[in-house]
C-alpha atoms as a PDB file:
ATOM      1  CA  UNK A   1     -75.347   3.297 -23.351  1.00  0.00           C
ATOM      2  CA  UNK A   2     -77.463   1.360 -20.857  1.00  0.00           C
ATOM      3  CA  UNK A   3     -74.403  -0.365 -19.429  1.00  0.00           C
ATOM      4  CA  UNK A   4     -72.863   3.022 -18.683  1.00  0.00           C
ATOM      5  CA  UNK A   5     -75.819   3.755 -16.414  1.00  0.00           C
ATOM      6  CA  UNK A   6     -75.267   0.494 -14.561  1.00  0.00           C
ATOM      7  CA  UNK A   7     -71.602   1.240 -13.969  1.00  0.00           C
ATOM      8  CA  UNK A   8     -72.514   4.731 -12.849  1.00  0.00           C
ATOM      9  CA  UNK A   9     -74.705   3.341 -10.066  1.00  0.00           C
ATOM     10  CA  UNK A  10     -72.166   0.670  -9.199  1.00  0.00           C
ATOM     11  CA  UNK A  11     -69.557   3.346  -8.613  1.00  0.00           C
ATOM     12  CA  UNK A  12     -72.008   5.184  -6.398  1.00  0.00           C
ATOM     13  CA  UNK A  13     -72.446   1.954  -4.443  1.00  0.00           C
ATOM     14  CA  UNK A  14     -76.168   2.561  -4.586  1.00  0.00           C
ATOM     15  CA  UNK A  15     -77.512   0.201  -7.297  1.00  0.00           C
ATOM     16  CA  UNK A  16     -80.808  -0.075  -5.428  1.00  0.00           C
ATOM     17  CA  UNK A  17     -81.293   3.653  -5.943  1.00  0.00           C
ATOM     18  CA  UNK A  18     -81.821   2.905  -9.620  1.00  0.00           C
ATOM     19  CA  UNK A  19     -84.970   0.793 -10.278  1.00  0.00           C
ATOM     20  CA  UNK A  20     -83.959   0.301 -13.909  1.00  0.00           C
ATOM     21  CA  UNK A  21     -80.457  -0.800 -12.932  1.00  0.00           C
ATOM     22  CA  UNK A  22     -81.959  -3.296 -10.503  1.00  0.00           C
ATOM     23  CA  UNK A  23     -83.405  -5.144 -13.485  1.00  0.00           C
ATOM     24  CA  UNK A  24     -79.901  -5.606 -14.880  1.00  0.00           C
ATOM     25  CA  UNK A  25     -78.637  -7.007 -11.580  1.00  0.00           C
ATOM     26  CA  UNK A  26     -81.407  -9.605 -11.452  1.00  0.00           C
END
């Protein structure tokens, strides 16, 4: 699921590392 990807990056504390995830944060 897309949300799982977001949480994955959040746990890594590197959301900016994921361009796609950045769109969710906006």
